[in-house]
C-alpha atoms as a PDB file:
ATOM      1  CA  UNK A   1       0.000   0.000   0.000  1.00  0.00           C
ATOM      2  CA  UNK A   2       2.870   2.344   0.793  1.00  0.00           C
ATOM      3  CA  UNK A   3       4.444   1.637  -2.598  1.00  0.00           C
ATOM      4  CA  UNK A   4       1.144   2.669  -4.212  1.00  0.00           C
ATOM      5  CA  UNK A   5       1.210   6.087  -2.588  1.00  0.00           C
ATOM      6  CA  UNK A   6      -0.547   5.622   0.721  1.00  0.00           C
ATOM      7  CA  UNK A   7       1.003   7.325   3.700  1.00  0.00           C
ATOM      8  CA  UNK A   8       1.849   5.377   6.841  1.00  0.00           C
ATOM      9  CA  UNK A   9      -0.524   7.541   8.911  1.00  0.00           C
ATOM     10  CA  UNK A  10      -3.389   6.488   6.624  1.00  0.00           C
ATOM     11  CA  UNK A  11      -2.957   2.851   7.644  1.00  0.00           C
ATOM     12  CA  UNK A  12      -4.311   1.289  10.789  1.00  0.00           C
ATOM     13  CA  UNK A  13      -3.100  -2.155  11.833  1.00  0.00           C
ATOM     14  CA  UNK A  14      -5.041  -4.218  14.338  1.00  0.00           C
ATOM     15  CA  UNK A  15      -4.328  -7.772  15.427  1.00  0.00           C
ATOM     16  CA  UNK A  16      -6.828 -10.410  16.516  1.00  0.00           C
ATOM     17  CA  UNK A  17      -6.069 -13.675  18.349  1.00  0.00           C
ATOM     18  CA  UNK A  18      -6.946 -15.934  15.399  1.00  0.00           C
ATOM     19  CA  UNK A  19      -8.534 -16.131  11.963  1.00  0.00           C
ATOM     20  CA  UNK A  20     -11.955 -16.836  13.454  1.00  0.00           C
ATOM     21  CA  UNK A  21     -11.891 -13.368  15.031  1.00  0.00           C
ATOM     22  CA  UNK A  22     -11.129 -11.530  11.768  1.00  0.00           C
ATOM     23  CA  UNK A  23     -14.774 -10.673  10.938  1.00  0.00           C
ATOM     24  CA  UNK A  24     -15.389  -9.273  14.427  1.00  0.00           C
ATOM     25  CA  UNK A  25     -12.144  -7.329  14.269  1.00  0.00           C
ATOM     26  CA  UNK A  26     -13.179  -5.844  10.905  1.00  0.00           C
ATOM     27  CA  UNK A  27     -16.558  -4.872  12.334  1.00  0.00           C
ATOM     28  CA  UNK A  28     -14.918  -3.234  15.358  1.00  0.00           C
ATOM     29  CA  UNK A  29     -12.646  -1.219  13.086  1.00  0.00           C
ATOM     30  CA  UNK A  30     -15.606   0.122  11.099  1.00  0.00           C
ATOM     31  CA  UNK A  31     -17.558   0.866  14.280  1.00  0.00           C
ATOM     32  CA  UNK A  32     -14.685   2.839  15.790  1.00  0.00           C
ATOM     33  CA  UNK A  33     -13.376   4.784  12.786  1.00  0.00           C
ATOM     34  CA  UNK A  34     -15.907   6.629  10.658  1.00  0.00           C
ATOM     35  CA  UNK A  35     -13.182   7.605   8.159  1.00  0.00           C
ATOM     36  CA  UNK A  36     -12.206   4.000   7.420  1.00  0.00           C
ATOM     37  CA  UNK A  37     -12.497   3.162   3.708  1.00  0.00           C
ATOM     38  CA  UNK A  38     -11.742  -0.569   3.748  1.00  0.00           C
ATOM     39  CA  UNK A  39     -10.375  -3.454   5.784  1.00  0.00           C
ATOM     40  CA  UNK A  40      -7.943  -6.102   4.615  1.00  0.00           C
ATOM     41  CA  UNK A  41      -8.245  -9.310   6.629  1.00  0.00           C
ATOM     42  CA  UNK A  42      -5.024 -11.324   6.617  1.00  0.00           C
ATOM     43  CA  UNK A  43      -4.690 -14.678   8.309  1.00  0.00           C
ATOM     44  CA  UNK A  44      -3.836 -18.318   7.880  1.00  0.00           C
ATOM     45  CA  UNK A  45      -5.732 -21.483   8.730  1.00  0.00           C
ATOM     46  CA  UNK A  46      -3.676 -24.674   8.589  1.00  0.00           C
ATOM     47  CA  UNK A  47      -5.310 -28.080   8.248  1.00  0.00           C
ATOM     48  CA  UNK A  48      -5.069 -30.218  11.356  1.00  0.00           C
ATOM     49  CA  UNK A  49      -6.176 -33.744  12.061  1.00  0.00           C
ATOM     50  CA  UNK A  50      -9.874 -32.880  12.582  1.00  0.00           C
ATOM     51  CA  UNK A  51     -12.664 -31.223  10.599  1.00  0.00           C
ATOM     52  CA  UNK A  52     -12.211 -28.065  12.692  1.00  0.00           C
ATOM     53  CA  UNK A  53     -10.296 -26.549   9.729  1.00  0.00           C
ATOM     54  CA  UNK A  54     -13.365 -26.764   7.487  1.00  0.00           C
ATOM     55  CA  UNK A  55     -15.683 -25.162  10.040  1.00  0.00           C
ATOM     56  CA  UNK A  56     -13.293 -22.313  10.791  1.00  0.00           C
ATOM     57  CA  UNK A  57     -12.498 -21.657   7.120  1.00  0.00           C
ATOM     58  CA  UNK A  58     -16.158 -21.488   6.165  1.00  0.00           C
ATOM     59  CA  UNK A  59     -17.109 -19.327   9.149  1.00  0.00           C
ATOM     60  CA  UNK A  60     -14.291 -16.859   8.479  1.00  0.00           C
ATOM     61  CA  UNK A  61     -15.170 -16.535   4.779  1.00  0.00           C
ATOM     62  CA  UNK A  62     -18.873 -16.036   5.499  1.00  0.00           C
ATOM     63  CA  UNK A  63     -18.148 -13.633   8.347  1.00  0.00           C
ATOM     64  CA  UNK A  64     -15.860 -11.445   6.256  1.00  0.00           C
ATOM     65  CA  UNK A  65     -18.449 -11.332   3.464  1.00  0.00           C
ATOM     66  CA  UNK A  66     -21.189 -10.411   5.951  1.00  0.00           C
ATOM     67  CA  UNK A  67     -19.159  -7.491   7.316  1.00  0.00           C
ATOM     68  CA  UNK A  68     -18.567  -6.241   3.755  1.00  0.00           C
ATOM     69  CA  UNK A  69     -22.254  -6.428   2.918  1.00  0.00           C
ATOM     70  CA  UNK A  70     -23.420  -4.965   6.239  1.00  0.00           C
ATOM     71  CA  UNK A  71     -21.067  -1.976   6.024  1.00  0.00           C
ATOM     72  CA  UNK A  72     -21.117  -1.524   2.246  1.00  0.00           C
ATOM     73  CA  UNK A  73     -17.350  -1.193   2.211  1.00  0.00           C
ATOM     74  CA  UNK A  74     -14.554  -3.361   0.864  1.00  0.00           C
ATOM     75  CA  UNK A  75     -13.519  -6.074   3.307  1.00  0.00           C
ATOM     76  CA  UNK A  76     -10.827  -8.078   1.589  1.00  0.00           C
ATOM     77  CA  UNK A  77     -10.352 -11.810   2.182  1.00  0.00           C
ATOM     78  CA  UNK A  78      -6.624 -12.411   2.517  1.00  0.00           C
ATOM     79  CA  UNK A  79      -6.833 -15.624   4.495  1.00  0.00           C
ATOM     80  CA  UNK A  80      -4.662 -18.545   3.496  1.00  0.00           C
ATOM     81  CA  UNK A  81      -6.147 -22.022   3.874  1.00  0.00           C
ATOM     82  CA  UNK A  82      -3.255 -24.462   3.695  1.00  0.00           C
ATOM     83  CA  UNK A  83      -2.437 -28.067   4.461  1.00  0.00           C
ATOM     84  CA  UNK A  84       1.003 -27.298   5.899  1.00  0.00           C
ATOM     85  CA  UNK A  85       3.118 -24.459   7.258  1.00  0.00           C
ATOM     86  CA  UNK A  86       5.374 -24.836   4.209  1.00  0.00           C
ATOM     87  CA  UNK A  87       2.432 -24.124   1.899  1.00  0.00           C
ATOM     88  CA  UNK A  88       1.544 -21.091   3.985  1.00  0.00           C
ATOM     89  CA  UNK A  89       5.067 -19.685   3.770  1.00  0.00           C
ATOM     90  CA  UNK A  90       5.159 -20.346   0.013  1.00  0.00           C
ATOM     91  CA  UNK A  91       1.987 -18.253  -0.409  1.00  0.00           C
ATOM     92  CA  UNK A  92       2.984 -15.514   2.037  1.00  0.00           C
ATOM     93  CA  UNK A  93       5.975 -14.196   0.119  1.00  0.00           C
ATOM     94  CA  UNK A  94       7.529 -17.462  -1.002  1.00  0.00           C
ATOM     95  CA  UNK A  95       7.612 -19.252  -4.324  1.00  0.00           C
ATOM     96  CA  UNK A  96       3.872 -18.861  -4.989  1.00  0.00           C
ATOM     97  CA  UNK A  97       3.648 -15.110  -4.483  1.00  0.00           C
ATOM     98  CA  UNK A  98       2.345 -13.027  -1.635  1.00  0.00           C
ATOM     99  CA  UNK A  99      -1.306 -13.210  -0.612  1.00  0.00           C
ATOM    100  CA  UNK A 100      -0.893  -9.978   1.362  1.00  0.00           C
ATOM    101  CA  UNK A 101       0.163  -8.076  -1.740  1.00  0.00           C
ATOM    102  CA  UNK A 102      -2.711  -9.632  -3.685  1.00  0.00           C
ATOM    103  CA  UNK A 103      -5.141  -8.555  -0.961  1.00  0.00           C
ATOM    104  CA  UNK A 104      -3.774  -4.992  -1.025  1.00  0.00           C
ATOM    105  CA  UNK A 105      -4.182  -4.840  -4.820  1.00  0.00           C
ATOM    106  CA  UNK A 106      -7.761  -6.144  -4.516  1.00  0.00           C
ATOM    107  CA  UNK A 107      -8.481  -3.489  -1.925  1.00  0.00           C
ATOM    108  CA  UNK A 108      -7.174  -0.688  -4.121  1.00  0.00           C
ATOM    109  CA  UNK A 109      -9.183  -1.986  -7.084  1.00  0.00           C
ATOM    110  CA  UNK A 110     -12.381  -2.127  -5.021  1.00  0.00           C
ATOM    111  CA  UNK A 111     -11.819   1.412  -3.723  1.00  0.00           C
ATOM    112  CA  UNK A 112     -11.235   2.615  -7.305  1.00  0.00           C
ATOM    113  CA  UNK A 113     -14.473   0.933  -8.390  1.00  0.00           C
ATOM    114  CA  UNK A 114     -16.345   2.560  -5.519  1.00  0.00           C
ATOM    115  CA  UNK A 115     -15.020   6.026  -6.457  1.00  0.00           C
ATOM    116  CA  UNK A 116     -15.879   5.472 -10.133  1.00  0.00           C
ATOM    117  CA  UNK A 117     -19.442   4.432  -9.317  1.00  0.00           C
ATOM    118  CA  UNK A 118     -19.956   7.393  -6.963  1.00  0.00           C
ATOM    119  CA  UNK A 119     -19.027   9.779  -9.789  1.00  0.00           C
ATOM    120  CA  UNK A 120     -21.850   8.452 -11.958  1.00  0.00           C
END
């Protein structure tokens, strides 16, 4: 985001204890900052030995979408769902790119779309 011209003071970073809490964290950010344009949710869910992975992954995806629809603002899904830590590292700046960068680009594109539509 900084390389695209945003200033550091325009960014707000908030951490949550786990991926499951990302939708609530996004909601809290919108509720406490009326000037907030968008939220990028970054996280990683790694497959374990139980079906817990599936429940968490689905809940996080649905929760992030619900926040976006409820607030009418971009809430970007940048959550990795991987089988192993190695896969996660490969997708978080390793040999398969950087999901965080992809999420930032998606955010900027959604904000550009929003501005374009508001002009018409």
